[in-house]
């Protein structure tokens, strides 16, 4: 029986909270009683211990409401290297074949982004342009940055799904760039897909709460890094001299971010068969695009 000498220090409809409060009070060697009435649970202690019990229970509740500080670990679906190796192989192979005019085709003319032709229906250029480069330094830069970001995309998404997202983001970025250019625009380079990969990573880590419990400066670090990289590389030569297609990079980042948001809400499969299927879709889309270019 609770007498007037006892004071209620906690009233809750959650029985678990009353149990936890009892454990806290036991640890403090404070006598307590738990009663229930009308669906509520009340924890009472002797009046002389009520102030101490109230403070201790409030501190305990505050500690449980405060999230842990620091980045949350994220699951990795693979080591990411298989996709990187294929990426490097594709860029080098296309570079060699384009330089040799293999099969008698002018690869640069057929595969580059030509905004007028894209708007007339030559969709494949949004993909083929991702595999073309103006010179060795242009190729090397996109290999280095693409391999770096692609490695982590492959780890978090899996090599097949991850690179399918990169290719999709790169093609979509090129399409958006075409729509936003006021006049005829020519460009080539994998840099649009490189920034799509960065956008994928930023979106995915954000959606998964990787930066949730870190200071705000840490949470905006990926976006800051992306902007810094954009300014530093000024990447991607267009086909007219050394013009930098900054808008293509921005559109690649935006497209990749959008694709990343969608993919972050999907249940990604760790199964090798599913990853191989999506890898084949990514590679096959490039092959199909080049076949369409040669037959145009």
Protein backbone atom coordinates (compact mmCIF):
# COMPACT_ATOMS: atom_id res chain seq x y z
CA UNK A 1 0.00 0.00 0.00
CA UNK A 2 1.43 3.40 -1.02
CA UNK A 3 1.20 5.89 1.86
CA UNK A 4 1.41 9.69 1.93
CA UNK A 5 5.14 9.33 2.64
CA UNK A 6 5.66 8.08 -0.92
CA UNK A 7 5.89 10.28 -4.02
CA UNK A 8 5.24 9.36 -7.66
CA UNK A 9 8.41 10.14 -9.67
CA UNK A 10 7.36 8.59 -12.99
CA UNK A 11 4.00 8.03 -14.68
CA UNK A 12 3.94 6.33 -18.05
CA UNK A 13 1.78 4.19 -20.32
CA UNK A 14 4.87 2.22 -21.37
CA UNK A 15 5.47 -0.64 -18.94
CA UNK A 16 9.01 -1.00 -20.28
CA UNK A 17 9.87 2.50 -19.07
CA UNK A 18 8.62 1.70 -15.58
CA UNK A 19 10.76 -1.46 -15.56
CA UNK A 20 13.82 0.49 -16.67
CA UNK A 21 13.14 3.09 -13.99
CA UNK A 22 13.03 0.30 -11.42
CA UNK A 23 16.44 -0.93 -12.55
CA UNK A 24 17.88 2.57 -12.26
CA UNK A 25 16.49 3.01 -8.76
CA UNK A 26 17.72 -0.43 -7.73
CA UNK A 27 21.22 0.51 -8.86
CA UNK A 28 20.95 3.66 -6.71
CA UNK A 29 19.72 1.56 -3.76
CA UNK A 30 16.49 3.56 -3.62
CA UNK A 31 13.39 1.65 -2.54
CA UNK A 32 10.49 1.93 -4.99
CA UNK A 33 7.06 0.56 -5.82
CA UNK A 34 5.31 0.18 -9.19
CA UNK A 35 1.52 0.35 -9.45
CA UNK A 36 -0.82 0.42 -12.40
CA UNK A 37 -4.08 2.33 -12.83
CA UNK A 38 -6.22 3.04 -15.91
CA UNK A 39 -3.54 1.80 -18.28
CA UNK A 40 -0.76 3.87 -16.71
CA UNK A 41 2.26 2.70 -14.70
CA UNK A 42 3.42 4.76 -11.72
CA UNK A 43 6.79 4.49 -10.00
CA UNK A 44 6.87 5.80 -6.44
CA UNK A 45 9.69 6.29 -3.93
CA UNK A 46 9.88 7.52 -0.35
CA UNK A 47 9.46 11.31 -0.21
CA UNK A 48 12.97 11.87 1.12
CA UNK A 49 14.47 10.21 -2.01
CA UNK A 50 12.09 11.81 -4.50
CA UNK A 51 14.37 14.72 -5.56
CA UNK A 52 17.34 12.44 -6.19
CA UNK A 53 15.21 9.84 -7.98
CA UNK A 54 13.62 12.50 -10.20
CA UNK A 55 17.01 13.88 -11.27
CA UNK A 56 18.51 10.45 -11.94
CA UNK A 57 15.52 9.26 -13.98
CA UNK A 58 15.50 12.48 -16.02
CA UNK A 59 19.21 12.08 -16.81
CA UNK A 60 18.68 8.44 -17.77
CA UNK A 61 15.83 9.40 -20.13
CA UNK A 62 17.95 12.15 -21.71
CA UNK A 63 20.86 9.78 -22.33
CA UNK A 64 18.54 7.35 -24.11
CA UNK A 65 17.11 10.11 -26.31
CA UNK A 66 20.55 11.35 -27.39
CA UNK A 67 21.78 9.47 -30.49
CA UNK A 68 25.35 8.16 -30.53
CA UNK A 69 27.87 10.50 -32.11
CA UNK A 70 29.76 9.40 -35.18
CA UNK A 71 29.24 7.96 -38.63
CA UNK A 72 27.18 4.80 -38.83
CA UNK A 73 28.84 1.78 -40.45
CA UNK A 74 27.38 0.79 -43.81
CA UNK A 75 27.17 -2.70 -45.22
CA UNK A 76 29.43 -3.49 -48.17
CA UNK A 77 28.15 -5.91 -50.81
CA UNK A 78 31.51 -6.50 -52.52
CA UNK A 79 35.11 -5.28 -52.68
CA UNK A 80 34.20 -3.23 -55.76
CA UNK A 81 37.23 -4.09 -57.87
CA UNK A 82 35.56 -6.18 -60.58
CA UNK A 83 33.50 -3.23 -61.81
CA UNK A 84 36.52 -0.93 -61.77
CA UNK A 85 38.57 -3.31 -63.90
CA UNK A 86 35.82 -3.58 -66.49
CA UNK A 87 35.41 0.22 -66.50
CA UNK A 88 39.11 0.75 -67.17
CA UNK A 89 39.11 -1.97 -69.81
CA UNK A 90 36.16 -0.47 -71.69
CA UNK A 91 37.64 3.05 -71.76
CA UNK A 92 41.06 1.86 -72.90
CA UNK A 93 39.61 -0.46 -75.54
CA UNK A 94 37.36 2.23 -77.03
CA UNK A 95 40.24 4.73 -76.98
CA UNK A 96 42.47 2.37 -78.97
CA UNK A 97 39.76 1.41 -81.45
CA UNK A 98 38.67 5.02 -81.97
CA UNK A 99 42.26 6.13 -82.59
CA UNK A 100 42.69 3.41 -85.22
CA UNK A 101 39.31 4.12 -86.87
CA UNK A 102 38.58 0.44 -86.31
CA UNK A 103 36.06 -1.15 -88.72
CA UNK A 104 36.44 1.93 -90.91
CA UNK A 105 34.32 4.19 -88.66
CA UNK A 106 35.00 7.66 -87.34
CA UNK A 107 34.17 6.82 -83.75
CA UNK A 108 34.45 10.39 -82.54
CA UNK A 109 32.01 11.76 -85.10
CA UNK A 110 29.51 8.94 -84.61
CA UNK A 111 29.64 8.75 -80.82
CA UNK A 112 30.14 12.27 -79.49
CA UNK A 113 27.38 14.37 -77.93
CA UNK A 114 25.92 16.50 -80.70
CA UNK A 115 22.96 18.28 -79.13
CA UNK A 116 21.14 18.80 -82.42
CA UNK A 117 21.42 15.14 -83.39
CA UNK A 118 20.45 13.95 -79.93
CA UNK A 119 17.32 16.10 -80.04
CA UNK A 120 16.57 14.62 -83.46
CA UNK A 121 16.48 11.15 -81.90
CA UNK A 122 20.06 9.85 -81.81
CA UNK A 123 19.71 8.76 -78.17
CA UNK A 124 22.74 6.49 -78.30
CA UNK A 125 25.10 9.46 -78.19
CA UNK A 126 24.26 10.01 -74.51
CA UNK A 127 25.92 6.64 -73.89
CA UNK A 128 28.64 6.40 -76.54
CA UNK A 129 30.04 9.81 -75.58
CA UNK A 130 30.80 8.42 -72.12
CA UNK A 131 33.42 6.11 -73.62
CA UNK A 132 35.24 8.64 -75.83
CA UNK A 133 38.16 10.93 -74.92
CA UNK A 134 40.03 13.65 -76.73
CA UNK A 135 43.56 12.69 -75.63
CA UNK A 136 45.59 10.61 -73.18
CA UNK A 137 45.44 13.10 -70.30
CA UNK A 138 41.65 13.34 -70.65
CA UNK A 139 41.40 9.55 -70.61
CA UNK A 140 43.80 9.16 -67.67
CA UNK A 141 41.96 11.72 -65.54
CA UNK A 142 38.61 10.02 -66.01
CA UNK A 143 40.12 6.60 -65.36
CA UNK A 144 41.61 7.75 -62.04
CA UNK A 145 38.58 9.60 -60.73
CA UNK A 146 36.09 7.13 -62.16
CA UNK A 147 37.93 4.18 -60.64
CA UNK A 148 38.06 5.90 -57.24
CA UNK A 149 34.36 6.74 -57.00
CA UNK A 150 33.31 3.60 -58.85
CA UNK A 151 35.17 1.46 -56.33
CA UNK A 152 32.99 2.72 -53.49
CA UNK A 153 29.80 2.60 -55.54
CA UNK A 154 30.60 -1.05 -56.25
CA UNK A 155 31.19 -1.74 -52.58
CA UNK A 156 27.91 -0.28 -51.38
CA UNK A 157 25.63 -1.21 -54.31
CA UNK A 158 27.43 -4.27 -55.62
CA UNK A 159 29.47 -4.27 -58.86
CA UNK A 160 26.55 -4.91 -61.21
CA UNK A 161 23.86 -2.70 -59.71
CA UNK A 162 26.40 0.00 -58.89
CA UNK A 163 27.81 0.35 -62.38
CA UNK A 164 24.35 0.12 -63.93
CA UNK A 165 23.50 3.15 -61.78
CA UNK A 166 26.66 4.97 -62.90
CA UNK A 167 25.94 4.35 -66.59
CA UNK A 168 22.31 5.40 -66.15
CA UNK A 169 23.34 8.54 -64.28
CA UNK A 170 25.95 9.42 -66.90
CA UNK A 171 23.53 9.00 -69.80
CA UNK A 172 20.81 10.95 -68.01
CA UNK A 173 23.32 13.68 -67.16
CA UNK A 174 24.27 13.98 -70.83
CA UNK A 175 20.61 14.18 -71.82
CA UNK A 176 19.94 16.92 -69.27
CA UNK A 177 23.01 18.79 -70.48
CA UNK A 178 21.74 18.68 -74.06
CA UNK A 179 18.36 20.07 -72.97
CA UNK A 180 20.00 22.95 -71.12
CA UNK A 181 22.46 24.03 -73.81
CA UNK A 182 21.17 27.07 -75.72
CA UNK A 183 22.96 26.29 -79.00
CA UNK A 184 24.63 23.39 -80.77
CA UNK A 185 26.84 21.62 -78.28
CA UNK A 186 29.54 19.00 -78.83
CA UNK A 187 31.21 17.04 -76.04
CA UNK A 188 32.76 13.70 -75.09
CA UNK A 189 34.16 12.07 -71.98
CA UNK A 190 33.37 9.78 -69.07
CA UNK A 191 33.46 12.68 -66.63
CA UNK A 192 29.66 12.98 -66.67
CA UNK A 193 29.45 9.43 -65.35
CA UNK A 194 32.29 10.12 -62.90
CA UNK A 195 30.22 12.87 -61.32
CA UNK A 196 27.16 10.63 -61.50
CA UNK A 197 29.10 8.14 -59.37
CA UNK A 198 29.87 10.88 -56.86
CA UNK A 199 26.20 11.86 -56.80
CA UNK A 200 25.23 8.24 -56.19
CA UNK A 201 27.55 8.03 -53.20
CA UNK A 202 26.37 11.29 -51.67
CA UNK A 203 22.70 10.37 -52.06
CA UNK A 204 23.10 6.83 -50.78
CA UNK A 205 25.17 7.71 -47.71
CA UNK A 206 22.73 10.50 -46.88
CA UNK A 207 19.64 8.31 -47.29
CA UNK A 208 21.18 5.52 -45.24
CA UNK A 209 21.89 7.93 -42.38
CA UNK A 210 25.67 7.47 -42.57
CA UNK A 211 26.27 11.10 -41.57
CA UNK A 212 23.17 11.49 -39.38
CA UNK A 213 24.91 11.57 -36.01
CA UNK A 214 27.89 13.66 -37.01
CA UNK A 215 28.45 17.45 -36.80
CA UNK A 216 26.86 19.46 -39.62
CA UNK A 217 30.28 20.21 -41.15
CA UNK A 218 30.83 16.48 -41.54
CA UNK A 219 27.35 15.93 -42.98
CA UNK A 220 27.93 18.43 -45.79
CA UNK A 221 31.47 17.18 -46.48
CA UNK A 222 30.50 14.96 -49.47
CA UNK A 223 28.72 17.84 -51.22
CA UNK A 224 31.62 20.18 -50.44
CA UNK A 225 34.04 17.62 -51.82
CA UNK A 226 31.97 17.30 -54.98
CA UNK A 227 31.94 21.05 -55.54
CA UNK A 228 35.67 21.22 -54.84
CA UNK A 229 36.38 18.42 -57.28
CA UNK A 230 34.25 20.16 -59.89
CA UNK A 231 36.32 23.32 -59.51
CA UNK A 232 39.63 21.49 -59.31
CA UNK A 233 39.26 19.24 -62.32
CA UNK A 234 37.36 21.64 -64.51
CA UNK A 235 37.42 18.30 -66.23
CA UNK A 236 36.51 17.01 -69.42
CA UNK A 237 37.70 18.54 -72.54
CA UNK A 238 34.97 19.06 -75.02
CA UNK A 239 35.75 18.27 -78.61
CA UNK A 240 36.47 21.88 -79.42
CA UNK A 241 39.92 22.49 -78.01
CA UNK A 242 40.18 22.35 -74.27
CA UNK A 243 36.74 23.71 -73.39
CA UNK A 244 35.53 22.49 -70.03
CA UNK A 245 31.98 21.20 -69.92
CA UNK A 246 31.19 22.17 -66.32
CA UNK A 247 27.44 21.96 -66.94
CA UNK A 248 27.80 18.32 -68.00
CA UNK A 249 29.56 17.57 -64.72
CA UNK A 250 26.87 19.34 -62.73
CA UNK A 251 24.13 17.50 -64.60
CA UNK A 252 25.97 14.22 -64.05
CA UNK A 253 26.10 14.89 -60.32
CA UNK A 254 22.40 15.85 -60.23
CA UNK A 255 21.38 12.80 -62.25
CA UNK A 256 23.53 10.50 -60.12
CA UNK A 257 22.07 11.98 -56.96
CA UNK A 258 18.55 11.31 -58.24
CA UNK A 259 19.39 7.74 -59.22
CA UNK A 260 21.06 7.27 -55.84
CA UNK A 261 17.93 8.40 -53.98
CA UNK A 262 15.85 5.85 -55.88
CA UNK A 263 18.37 3.05 -55.38
CA UNK A 264 18.75 3.81 -51.67
CA UNK A 265 15.05 3.02 -51.25
CA UNK A 266 15.37 -0.33 -52.98
CA UNK A 267 16.32 -3.62 -51.38
CA UNK A 268 19.71 -4.24 -52.95
CA UNK A 269 20.54 -7.86 -53.62
CA UNK A 270 23.81 -9.45 -52.57
CA UNK A 271 23.18 -12.37 -54.92
CA UNK A 272 25.87 -12.82 -57.56
CA UNK A 273 23.31 -13.71 -60.25
CA UNK A 274 21.42 -10.44 -59.78
CA UNK A 275 24.66 -8.46 -59.76
CA UNK A 276 25.85 -10.17 -62.94
CA UNK A 277 22.51 -9.48 -64.60
CA UNK A 278 22.71 -5.74 -63.89
CA UNK A 279 26.35 -5.71 -64.90
CA UNK A 280 25.35 -7.25 -68.21
CA UNK A 281 22.65 -4.59 -68.60
CA UNK A 282 25.22 -1.82 -68.05
CA UNK A 283 27.75 -3.29 -70.47
CA UNK A 284 25.07 -4.32 -72.97
CA UNK A 285 23.62 -0.81 -73.08
CA UNK A 286 27.01 0.54 -74.20
CA UNK A 287 27.38 -2.19 -76.85
CA UNK A 288 23.83 -1.55 -78.09
CA UNK A 289 24.49 2.18 -78.25
CA UNK A 290 27.62 1.69 -80.36
CA UNK A 291 25.82 -0.72 -82.68
CA UNK A 292 23.11 1.92 -83.15
CA UNK A 293 25.81 4.53 -83.85
CA UNK A 294 27.50 2.36 -86.51
CA UNK A 295 24.21 1.65 -88.23
CA UNK A 296 23.09 5.28 -88.31
